[in-house]
Amino acid sequence: MAIAKSKLLKQLSDNYPNFLKKDLEKFIDIFFLEIKNSLKRGERVEFRGFGTWTTHTQKARISRNPKTGEKVHTPQKKTIYFKMAKELFNKLNNNE
C-alpha cells in the first residue's frame, strides 16, 4: 500500500500537534520540491539510512512498436534511479 501525501500530512500532524497543519504541508511541499530540483540539476540526493536517488540518461535509440512492428525514434531521456541503504534493506528483511 502506498502512502498518499494527505496520509503523511495527517501522521505528521498527529505526531506533532504543536505545529500548524498548513506549516507541515508547506514543509512537505518544500521538501519534495528540493528533491525534484536537485534531480533536475543532475545532482545526487541522499538520505542516510534510507537511500539515494540519482538520474541516469537513456540514449536516443530506434525502438519498435510491438503492435505494428513499425520502427519508432525514441529520444534521449532521463530516468530516476533509487538505491536503498543497507539499514533500510536490513529492516525490511528483518536482518537486524
PDB file of N, CA and C in Angstrom:
ATOM      1  N   MET A   1       0.835  -1.174   0.000  1.00  0.00           N
ATOM      2  CA  MET A   1       0.000   0.000   0.000  1.00  0.00           C
ATOM      3  C   MET A   1       0.886   1.246   0.000  1.00  0.00           C
ATOM      4  N   ALA A   2       0.592   2.158  -0.872  1.00  0.00           N
ATOM      5  CA  ALA A   2       1.338   3.409  -0.961  1.00  0.00           C
ATOM      6  C   ALA A   2       0.791   4.408   0.045  1.00  0.00           C
ATOM      7  N   ILE A   3       1.627   5.316   0.442  1.00  0.00           N
ATOM      8  CA  ILE A   3       1.168   6.363   1.353  1.00  0.00           C
ATOM      9  C   ILE A   3       0.948   7.637   0.542  1.00  0.00           C
ATOM     10  N   ALA A   4      -0.225   8.208   0.697  1.00  0.00           N
ATOM     11  CA  ALA A   4      -0.556   9.444  -0.003  1.00  0.00           C
ATOM     12  C   ALA A   4      -0.034  10.632   0.796  1.00  0.00           C
ATOM     13  N   LYS A   5       0.117  11.743   0.104  1.00  0.00           N
ATOM     14  CA  LYS A   5       0.606  12.957   0.762  1.00  0.00           C
ATOM     15  C   LYS A   5      -0.323  13.361   1.902  1.00  0.00           C
ATOM     16  N   SER A   6      -1.632  13.188   1.711  1.00  0.00           N
ATOM     17  CA  SER A   6      -2.596  13.556   2.756  1.00  0.00           C
ATOM     18  C   SER A   6      -2.425  12.680   4.002  1.00  0.00           C
ATOM     19  N   LYS A   7      -2.136  11.377   3.804  1.00  0.00           N
ATOM     20  CA  LYS A   7      -1.914  10.491   4.956  1.00  0.00           C
ATOM     21  C   LYS A   7      -0.624  10.860   5.682  1.00  0.00           C
ATOM     22  N   LEU A   8       0.403  11.203   4.916  1.00  0.00           N
ATOM     23  CA  LEU A   8       1.666  11.631   5.507  1.00  0.00           C
ATOM     24  C   LEU A   8       1.448  12.896   6.328  1.00  0.00           C
ATOM     25  N   LEU A   9       0.678  13.829   5.782  1.00  0.00           N
ATOM     26  CA  LEU A   9       0.374  15.070   6.488  1.00  0.00           C
ATOM     27  C   LEU A   9      -0.400  14.786   7.771  1.00  0.00           C
ATOM     28  N   LYS A  10      -1.352  13.870   7.717  1.00  0.00           N
ATOM     29  CA  LYS A  10      -2.142  13.515   8.900  1.00  0.00           C
ATOM     30  C   LYS A  10      -1.259  12.889   9.976  1.00  0.00           C
ATOM     31  N   GLN A  11      -0.356  11.979   9.584  1.00  0.00           N
ATOM     32  CA  GLN A  11       0.544  11.354  10.556  1.00  0.00           C
ATOM     33  C   GLN A  11       1.461  12.384  11.206  1.00  0.00           C
ATOM     34  N   LEU A  12       1.979  13.304  10.399  1.00  0.00           N
ATOM     35  CA  LEU A  12       2.839  14.350  10.964  1.00  0.00           C
ATOM     36  C   LEU A  12       2.074  15.247  11.922  1.00  0.00           C
ATOM     37  N   SER A  13       0.847  15.621  11.544  1.00  0.00           N
ATOM     38  CA  SER A  13       0.063  16.490  12.429  1.00  0.00           C
ATOM     39  C   SER A  13      -0.352  15.764  13.713  1.00  0.00           C
ATOM     40  N   ASP A  14      -0.563  14.445  13.630  1.00  0.00           N
ATOM     41  CA  ASP A  14      -0.876  13.672  14.843  1.00  0.00           C
ATOM     42  C   ASP A  14       0.338  13.555  15.763  1.00  0.00           C
ATOM     43  N   ASN A  15       1.518  13.361  15.164  1.00  0.00           N
ATOM     44  CA  ASN A  15       2.746  13.194  15.949  1.00  0.00           C
ATOM     45  C   ASN A  15       3.285  14.524  16.482  1.00  0.00           C
ATOM     46  N   TYR A  16       2.999  15.610  15.772  1.00  0.00           N
ATOM     47  CA  TYR A  16       3.483  16.929  16.177  1.00  0.00           C
ATOM     48  C   TYR A  16       2.305  17.901  16.241  1.00  0.00           C
ATOM     49  N   PRO A  17       1.472  17.791  17.285  1.00  0.00           N
ATOM     50  CA  PRO A  17       0.258  18.616  17.366  1.00  0.00           C
ATOM     51  C   PRO A  17       0.526  20.107  17.559  1.00  0.00           C
ATOM     52  N   ASN A  18       1.724  20.470  18.020  1.00  0.00           N
ATOM     53  CA  ASN A  18       2.009  21.885  18.243  1.00  0.00           C
ATOM     54  C   ASN A  18       2.378  22.626  16.952  1.00  0.00           C
ATOM     55  N   PHE A  19       2.528  21.911  15.817  1.00  0.00           N
ATOM     56  CA  PHE A  19       2.754  22.557  14.531  1.00  0.00           C
ATOM     57  C   PHE A  19       1.420  22.710  13.818  1.00  0.00           C
ATOM     58  N   LEU A  20       1.242  23.819  13.138  1.00  0.00           N
ATOM     59  CA  LEU A  20       0.031  24.033  12.350  1.00  0.00           C
ATOM     60  C   LEU A  20       0.055  23.122  11.119  1.00  0.00           C
ATOM     61  N   LYS A  21      -1.128  22.666  10.729  1.00  0.00           N
ATOM     62  CA  LYS A  21      -1.228  21.762   9.583  1.00  0.00           C
ATOM     63  C   LYS A  21      -0.720  22.422   8.305  1.00  0.00           C
ATOM     64  N   LYS A  22      -1.008  23.709   8.136  1.00  0.00           N
ATOM     65  CA  LYS A  22      -0.563  24.407   6.923  1.00  0.00           C
ATOM     66  C   LYS A  22       0.961  24.540   6.886  1.00  0.00           C
ATOM     67  N   ASP A  23       1.594  24.673   8.067  1.00  0.00           N
ATOM     68  CA  ASP A  23       3.055  24.741   8.113  1.00  0.00           C
ATOM     69  C   ASP A  23       3.667  23.389   7.756  1.00  0.00           C
ATOM     70  N   LEU A  24       3.067  22.310   8.251  1.00  0.00           N
ATOM     71  CA  LEU A  24       3.557  20.977   7.913  1.00  0.00           C
ATOM     72  C   LEU A  24       3.384  20.697   6.419  1.00  0.00           C
ATOM     73  N   GLU A  25       2.268  21.140   5.860  1.00  0.00           N
ATOM     74  CA  GLU A  25       2.036  20.948   4.426  1.00  0.00           C
ATOM     75  C   GLU A  25       3.062  21.729   3.603  1.00  0.00           C
ATOM     76  N   LYS A  26       3.365  22.938   4.034  1.00  0.00           N
ATOM     77  CA  LYS A  26       4.381  23.754   3.361  1.00  0.00           C
ATOM     78  C   LYS A  26       5.746  23.074   3.450  1.00  0.00           C
ATOM     79  N   PHE A  27       6.062  22.496   4.612  1.00  0.00           N
ATOM     80  CA  PHE A  27       7.323  21.779   4.794  1.00  0.00           C
ATOM     81  C   PHE A  27       7.419  20.602   3.812  1.00  0.00           C
ATOM     82  N   ILE A  28       6.345  19.816   3.697  1.00  0.00           N
ATOM     83  CA  ILE A  28       6.337  18.670   2.790  1.00  0.00           C
ATOM     84  C   ILE A  28       6.518  19.130   1.350  1.00  0.00           C
ATOM     85  N   ASP A  29       5.820  20.213   0.977  1.00  0.00           N
ATOM     86  CA  ASP A  29       5.944  20.739  -0.388  1.00  0.00           C
ATOM     87  C   ASP A  29       7.375  21.178  -0.693  1.00  0.00           C
ATOM     88  N   ILE A  30       7.985  21.897   0.243  1.00  0.00           N
ATOM     89  CA  ILE A  30       9.365  22.361   0.055  1.00  0.00           C
ATOM     90  C   ILE A  30      10.322  21.174  -0.014  1.00  0.00           C
ATOM     91  N   PHE A  31      10.110  20.195   0.839  1.00  0.00           N
ATOM     92  CA  PHE A  31      10.947  19.001   0.897  1.00  0.00           C
ATOM     93  C   PHE A  31      10.979  18.294  -0.464  1.00  0.00           C
ATOM     94  N   PHE A  32       9.795  18.015  -1.017  1.00  0.00           N
ATOM     95  CA  PHE A  32       9.736  17.315  -2.293  1.00  0.00           C
ATOM     96  C   PHE A  32      10.170  18.195  -3.456  1.00  0.00           C
ATOM     97  N   LEU A  33       9.930  19.492  -3.380  1.00  0.00           N
ATOM     98  CA  LEU A  33      10.372  20.403  -4.423  1.00  0.00           C
ATOM     99  C   LEU A  33      11.896  20.438  -4.501  1.00  0.00           C
ATOM    100  N   GLU A  34      12.550  20.438  -3.353  1.00  0.00           N
ATOM    101  CA  GLU A  34      14.017  20.440  -3.342  1.00  0.00           C
ATOM    102  C   GLU A  34      14.584  19.144  -3.917  1.00  0.00           C
ATOM    103  N   ILE A  35      13.942  18.021  -3.616  1.00  0.00           N
ATOM    104  CA  ILE A  35      14.382  16.751  -4.199  1.00  0.00           C
ATOM    105  C   ILE A  35      14.241  16.808  -5.716  1.00  0.00           C
ATOM    106  N   LYS A  36      13.081  17.275  -6.194  1.00  0.00           N
ATOM    107  CA  LYS A  36      12.848  17.370  -7.645  1.00  0.00           C
ATOM    108  C   LYS A  36      13.855  18.291  -8.315  1.00  0.00           C
ATOM    109  N   ASN A  37      14.090  19.460  -7.713  1.00  0.00           N
ATOM    110  CA  ASN A  37      15.022  20.419  -8.311  1.00  0.00           C
ATOM    111  C   ASN A  37      16.448  19.875  -8.345  1.00  0.00           C
ATOM    112  N   SER A  38      16.848  19.178  -7.302  1.00  0.00           N
ATOM    113  CA  SER A  38      18.192  18.601  -7.273  1.00  0.00           C
ATOM    114  C   SER A  38      18.356  17.544  -8.357  1.00  0.00           C
ATOM    115  N   LEU A  39      17.357  16.684  -8.510  1.00  0.00           N
ATOM    116  CA  LEU A  39      17.424  15.661  -9.547  1.00  0.00           C
ATOM    117  C   LEU A  39      17.393  16.286 -10.935  1.00  0.00           C
ATOM    118  N   LYS A  40      16.631  17.353 -11.095  1.00  0.00           N
ATOM    119  CA  LYS A  40      16.558  18.035 -12.379  1.00  0.00           C
ATOM    120  C   LYS A  40      17.911  18.626 -12.763  1.00  0.00           C
ATOM    121  N   ARG A  41      18.669  19.109 -11.756  1.00  0.00           N
ATOM    122  CA  ARG A  41      20.004  19.653 -11.991  1.00  0.00           C
ATOM    123  C   ARG A  41      21.048  18.551 -12.177  1.00  0.00           C
ATOM    124  N   GLY A  42      20.648  17.294 -12.011  1.00  0.00           N
ATOM    125  CA  GLY A  42      21.578  16.182 -12.176  1.00  0.00           C
ATOM    126  C   GLY A  42      22.353  15.855 -10.918  1.00  0.00           C
ATOM    127  N   GLU A  43      21.934  16.390  -9.795  1.00  0.00           N
ATOM    128  CA  GLU A  43      22.624  16.122  -8.535  1.00  0.00           C
ATOM    129  C   GLU A  43      22.092  14.849  -7.893  1.00  0.00           C
ATOM    130  N   ARG A  44      22.872  14.315  -6.993  1.00  0.00           N
ATOM    131  CA  ARG A  44      22.514  13.111  -6.257  1.00  0.00           C
ATOM    132  C   ARG A  44      21.840  13.515  -4.951  1.00  0.00           C
ATOM    133  N   VAL A  45      20.744  12.838  -4.596  1.00  0.00           N
ATOM    134  CA  VAL A  45      20.037  13.117  -3.345  1.00  0.00           C
ATOM    135  C   VAL A  45      20.216  11.911  -2.435  1.00  0.00           C
ATOM    136  N   GLU A  46      20.693  12.164  -1.224  1.00  0.00           N
ATOM    137  CA  GLU A  46      20.969  11.056  -0.302  1.00  0.00           C
ATOM    138  C   GLU A  46      20.333  11.323   1.059  1.00  0.00           C
ATOM    139  N   PHE A  47      19.643  10.304   1.577  1.00  0.00           N
ATOM    140  CA  PHE A  47      19.136  10.319   2.940  1.00  0.00           C
ATOM    141  C   PHE A  47      19.778   9.140   3.652  1.00  0.00           C
ATOM    142  N   ARG A  48      20.666   9.445   4.582  1.00  0.00           N
ATOM    143  CA  ARG A  48      21.393   8.397   5.283  1.00  0.00           C
ATOM    144  C   ARG A  48      20.422   7.454   5.966  1.00  0.00           C
ATOM    145  N   GLY A  49      20.649   6.174   5.814  1.00  0.00           N
ATOM    146  CA  GLY A  49      19.805   5.172   6.434  1.00  0.00           C
ATOM    147  C   GLY A  49      18.558   4.856   5.630  1.00  0.00           C
ATOM    148  N   PHE A  50      18.289   5.617   4.562  1.00  0.00           N
ATOM    149  CA  PHE A  50      17.105   5.370   3.736  1.00  0.00           C
ATOM    150  C   PHE A  50      17.495   5.002   2.314  1.00  0.00           C
ATOM    151  N   GLY A  51      18.243   5.861   1.643  1.00  0.00           N
ATOM    152  CA  GLY A  51      18.658   5.552   0.285  1.00  0.00           C
ATOM    153  C   GLY A  51      19.091   6.786  -0.483  1.00  0.00           C
ATOM    154  N   THR A  52      19.436   6.575  -1.755  1.00  0.00           N
ATOM    155  CA  THR A  52      19.869   7.666  -2.616  1.00  0.00           C
ATOM    156  C   THR A  52      19.098   7.628  -3.928  1.00  0.00           C
ATOM    157  N   TRP A  53      18.887   8.819  -4.477  1.00  0.00           N
ATOM    158  CA  TRP A  53      18.283   8.957  -5.797  1.00  0.00           C
ATOM    159  C   TRP A  53      19.312   9.597  -6.705  1.00  0.00           C
ATOM    160  N   THR A  54      19.441   9.058  -7.906  1.00  0.00           N
ATOM    161  CA  THR A  54      20.292   9.654  -8.925  1.00  0.00           C
ATOM    162  C   THR A  54      19.548   9.596 -10.253  1.00  0.00           C
ATOM    163  N   THR A  55      20.024  10.388 -11.208  1.00  0.00           N
ATOM    164  CA  THR A  55      19.420  10.338 -12.530  1.00  0.00           C
ATOM    165  C   THR A  55      20.361   9.608 -13.477  1.00  0.00           C
ATOM    166  N   HIS A  56      19.798   8.832 -14.357  1.00  0.00           N
ATOM    167  CA  HIS A  56      20.541   8.149 -15.401  1.00  0.00           C
ATOM    168  C   HIS A  56      19.987   8.638 -16.733  1.00  0.00           C
ATOM    169  N   THR A  57      20.837   8.744 -17.722  1.00  0.00           N
ATOM    170  CA  THR A  57      20.404   9.190 -19.037  1.00  0.00           C
ATOM    171  C   THR A  57      20.318   7.993 -19.971  1.00  0.00           C
ATOM    172  N   GLN A  58      19.148   7.819 -20.570  1.00  0.00           N
ATOM    173  CA  GLN A  58      18.978   6.777 -21.576  1.00  0.00           C
ATOM    174  C   GLN A  58      19.262   7.400 -22.937  1.00  0.00           C
ATOM    175  N   LYS A  59      20.085   6.746 -23.728  1.00  0.00           N
ATOM    176  CA  LYS A  59      20.450   7.266 -25.038  1.00  0.00           C
ATOM    177  C   LYS A  59      19.265   7.208 -25.991  1.00  0.00           C
ATOM    178  N   ALA A  60      19.305   8.078 -26.991  1.00  0.00           N
ATOM    179  CA  ALA A  60      18.292   8.022 -28.042  1.00  0.00           C
ATOM    180  C   ALA A  60      18.502   6.731 -28.829  1.00  0.00           C
ATOM    181  N   ARG A  61      17.402   6.126 -29.285  1.00  0.00           N
ATOM    182  CA  ARG A  61      17.529   4.860 -30.000  1.00  0.00           C
ATOM    183  C   ARG A  61      16.350   4.667 -30.937  1.00  0.00           C
ATOM    184  N   ILE A  62      16.473   3.664 -31.753  1.00  0.00           N
ATOM    185  CA  ILE A  62      15.375   3.275 -32.626  1.00  0.00           C
ATOM    186  C   ILE A  62      14.654   2.114 -31.940  1.00  0.00           C
ATOM    187  N   SER A  63      13.372   2.316 -31.634  1.00  0.00           N
ATOM    188  CA  SER A  63      12.557   1.293 -30.980  1.00  0.00           C
ATOM    189  C   SER A  63      11.607   0.695 -31.998  1.00  0.00           C
ATOM    190  N   ARG A  64      10.848  -0.282 -31.536  1.00  0.00           N
ATOM    191  CA  ARG A  64       9.866  -0.921 -32.407  1.00  0.00           C
ATOM    192  C   ARG A  64       8.516  -0.895 -31.712  1.00  0.00           C
ATOM    193  N   ASN A  65       7.492  -0.489 -32.437  1.00  0.00           N
ATOM    194  CA  ASN A  65       6.130  -0.529 -31.922  1.00  0.00           C
ATOM    195  C   ASN A  65       5.692  -1.988 -31.938  1.00  0.00           C
ATOM    196  N   PRO A  66       5.429  -2.601 -30.773  1.00  0.00           N
ATOM    197  CA  PRO A  66       5.107  -4.029 -30.746  1.00  0.00           C
ATOM    198  C   PRO A  66       3.788  -4.370 -31.446  1.00  0.00           C
ATOM    199  N   LYS A  67       2.891  -3.422 -31.523  1.00  0.00           N
ATOM    200  CA  LYS A  67       1.595  -3.690 -32.154  1.00  0.00           C
ATOM    201  C   LYS A  67       1.694  -3.740 -33.674  1.00  0.00           C
ATOM    202  N   THR A  68       2.440  -2.781 -34.255  1.00  0.00           N
ATOM    203  CA  THR A  68       2.513  -2.697 -35.715  1.00  0.00           C
ATOM    204  C   THR A  68       3.840  -3.180 -36.283  1.00  0.00           C
ATOM    205  N   GLY A  69       4.865  -3.250 -35.440  1.00  0.00           N
ATOM    206  CA  GLY A  69       6.187  -3.649 -35.917  1.00  0.00           C
ATOM    207  C   GLY A  69       6.945  -2.492 -36.540  1.00  0.00           C
ATOM    208  N   GLU A  70       6.340  -1.317 -36.567  1.00  0.00           N
ATOM    209  CA  GLU A  70       6.947  -0.131 -37.161  1.00  0.00           C
ATOM    210  C   GLU A  70       8.102   0.368 -36.300  1.00  0.00           C
ATOM    211  N   LYS A  71       9.183   0.847 -36.942  1.00  0.00           N
ATOM    212  CA  LYS A  71      10.310   1.413 -36.203  1.00  0.00           C
ATOM    213  C   LYS A  71       9.972   2.837 -35.788  1.00  0.00           C
ATOM    214  N   VAL A  72      10.309   3.165 -34.539  1.00  0.00           N
ATOM    215  CA  VAL A  72       9.986   4.471 -33.965  1.00  0.00           C
ATOM    216  C   VAL A  72      11.247   5.046 -33.326  1.00  0.00           C
ATOM    217  N   HIS A  73      11.477   6.341 -33.532  1.00  0.00           N
ATOM    218  CA  HIS A  73      12.617   7.002 -32.900  1.00  0.00           C
ATOM    219  C   HIS A  73      12.241   7.363 -31.458  1.00  0.00           C
ATOM    220  N   THR A  74      13.036   6.900 -30.494  1.00  0.00           N
ATOM    221  CA  THR A  74      12.837   7.230 -29.082  1.00  0.00           C
ATOM    222  C   THR A  74      13.932   8.213 -28.696  1.00  0.00           C
ATOM    223  N   PRO A  75      13.560   9.438 -28.281  1.00  0.00           N
ATOM    224  CA  PRO A  75      14.576  10.440 -27.942  1.00  0.00           C
ATOM    225  C   PRO A  75      15.282  10.124 -26.622  1.00  0.00           C
ATOM    226  N   GLN A  76      16.392  10.817 -26.403  1.00  0.00           N
ATOM    227  CA  GLN A  76      17.133  10.678 -25.149  1.00  0.00           C
ATOM    228  C   GLN A  76      16.259  11.173 -23.998  1.00  0.00           C
ATOM    229  N   LYS A  77      16.349  10.496 -22.854  1.00  0.00           N
ATOM    230  CA  LYS A  77      15.565  10.921 -21.693  1.00  0.00           C
ATOM    231  C   LYS A  77      16.293  10.566 -20.407  1.00  0.00           C
ATOM    232  N   LYS A  78      15.901  11.252 -19.339  1.00  0.00           N
ATOM    233  CA  LYS A  78      16.471  10.985 -18.019  1.00  0.00           C
ATOM    234  C   LYS A  78      15.503  10.123 -17.239  1.00  0.00           C
ATOM    235  N   THR A  79      16.047   9.192 -16.465  1.00  0.00           N
ATOM    236  CA  THR A  79      15.237   8.361 -15.584  1.00  0.00           C
ATOM    237  C   THR A  79      15.803   8.483 -14.166  1.00  0.00           C
ATOM    238  N   ILE A  80      14.959   8.227 -13.190  1.00  0.00           N
ATOM    239  CA  ILE A  80      15.379   8.302 -11.790  1.00  0.00           C
ATOM    240  C   ILE A  80      15.713   6.893 -11.309  1.00  0.00           C
ATOM    241  N   TYR A  81      16.835   6.775 -10.634  1.00  0.00           N
ATOM    242  CA  TYR A  81      17.302   5.503 -10.106  1.00  0.00           C
ATOM    243  C   TYR A  81      17.366   5.633  -8.587  1.00  0.00           C
ATOM    244  N   PHE A  82      16.767   4.680  -7.868  1.00  0.00           N
ATOM    245  CA  PHE A  82      16.783   4.677  -6.403  1.00  0.00           C
ATOM    246  C   PHE A  82      17.542   3.459  -5.915  1.00  0.00           C
ATOM    247  N   LYS A  83      18.438   3.678  -4.977  1.00  0.00           N
ATOM    248  CA  LYS A  83      19.152   2.576  -4.345  1.00  0.00           C
ATOM    249  C   LYS A  83      18.958   2.706  -2.840  1.00  0.00           C
ATOM    250  N   MET A  84      18.372   1.673  -2.248  1.00  0.00           N
ATOM    251  CA  MET A  84      18.111   1.746  -0.808  1.00  0.00           C
ATOM    252  C   MET A  84      19.391   1.505  -0.014  1.00  0.00           C
ATOM    253  N   ALA A  85      19.416   2.090   1.173  1.00  0.00           N
ATOM    254  CA  ALA A  85      20.555   1.942   2.074  1.00  0.00           C
ATOM    255  C   ALA A  85      20.521   0.560   2.716  1.00  0.00           C
ATOM    256  N   LYS A  86      21.673   0.106   3.167  1.00  0.00           N
ATOM    257  CA  LYS A  86      21.763  -1.202   3.820  1.00  0.00           C
ATOM    258  C   LYS A  86      20.891  -1.269   5.064  1.00  0.00           C
ATOM    259  N   GLU A  87      20.818  -0.164   5.803  1.00  0.00           N
ATOM    260  CA  GLU A  87      19.993  -0.145   7.020  1.00  0.00           C
ATOM    261  C   GLU A  87      18.526  -0.405   6.688  1.00  0.00           C
ATOM    262  N   LEU A  88      18.019   0.229   5.647  1.00  0.00           N
ATOM    263  CA  LEU A  88      16.635   0.030   5.234  1.00  0.00           C
ATOM    264  C   LEU A  88      16.436  -1.390   4.717  1.00  0.00           C
ATOM    265  N   PHE A  89      17.396  -1.882   3.949  1.00  0.00           N
ATOM    266  CA  PHE A  89      17.321  -3.249   3.436  1.00  0.00           C
ATOM    267  C   PHE A  89      17.222  -4.260   4.579  1.00  0.00           C
ATOM    268  N   ASN A  90      18.076  -4.079   5.581  1.00  0.00           N
ATOM    269  CA  ASN A  90      18.071  -4.976   6.730  1.00  0.00           C
ATOM    270  C   ASN A  90      16.770  -4.893   7.517  1.00  0.00           C
ATOM    271  N   LYS A  91      16.221  -3.680   7.660  1.00  0.00           N
ATOM    272  CA  LYS A  91      14.957  -3.521   8.369  1.00  0.00           C
ATOM    273  C   LYS A  91      13.818  -4.206   7.627  1.00  0.00           C
ATOM    274  N   LEU A  92      13.788  -4.040   6.301  1.00  0.00           N
ATOM    275  CA  LEU A  92      12.734  -4.656   5.507  1.00  0.00           C
ATOM    276  C   LEU A  92      12.816  -6.176   5.515  1.00  0.00           C
ATOM    277  N   ASN A  93      14.022  -6.717   5.617  1.00  0.00           N
ATOM    278  CA  ASN A  93      14.220  -8.155   5.566  1.00  0.00           C
ATOM    279  C   ASN A  93      14.477  -8.765   6.930  1.00  0.00           C
ATOM    280  N   ASN A  94      14.236  -8.020   7.996  1.00  0.00           N
ATOM    281  CA  ASN A  94      14.392  -8.496   9.374  1.00  0.00           C
ATOM    282  C   ASN A  94      15.760  -9.112   9.631  1.00  0.00           C
ATOM    283  N   ASN A  95      16.802  -8.455   9.132  1.00  0.00           N
ATOM    284  CA  ASN A  95      18.165  -8.961   9.319  1.00  0.00           C
ATOM    285  C   ASN A  95      18.864  -8.254  10.467  1.00  0.00           C
ATOM    286  N   GLU A  96      18.128  -7.559  11.306  1.00  0.00           N
ATOM    287  CA  GLU A  96      18.786  -6.825  12.401  1.00  0.00           C
ATOM    288  C   GLU A  96      19.122  -7.726  13.548  1.00  0.00           C
TER     289      GLU A  96
END
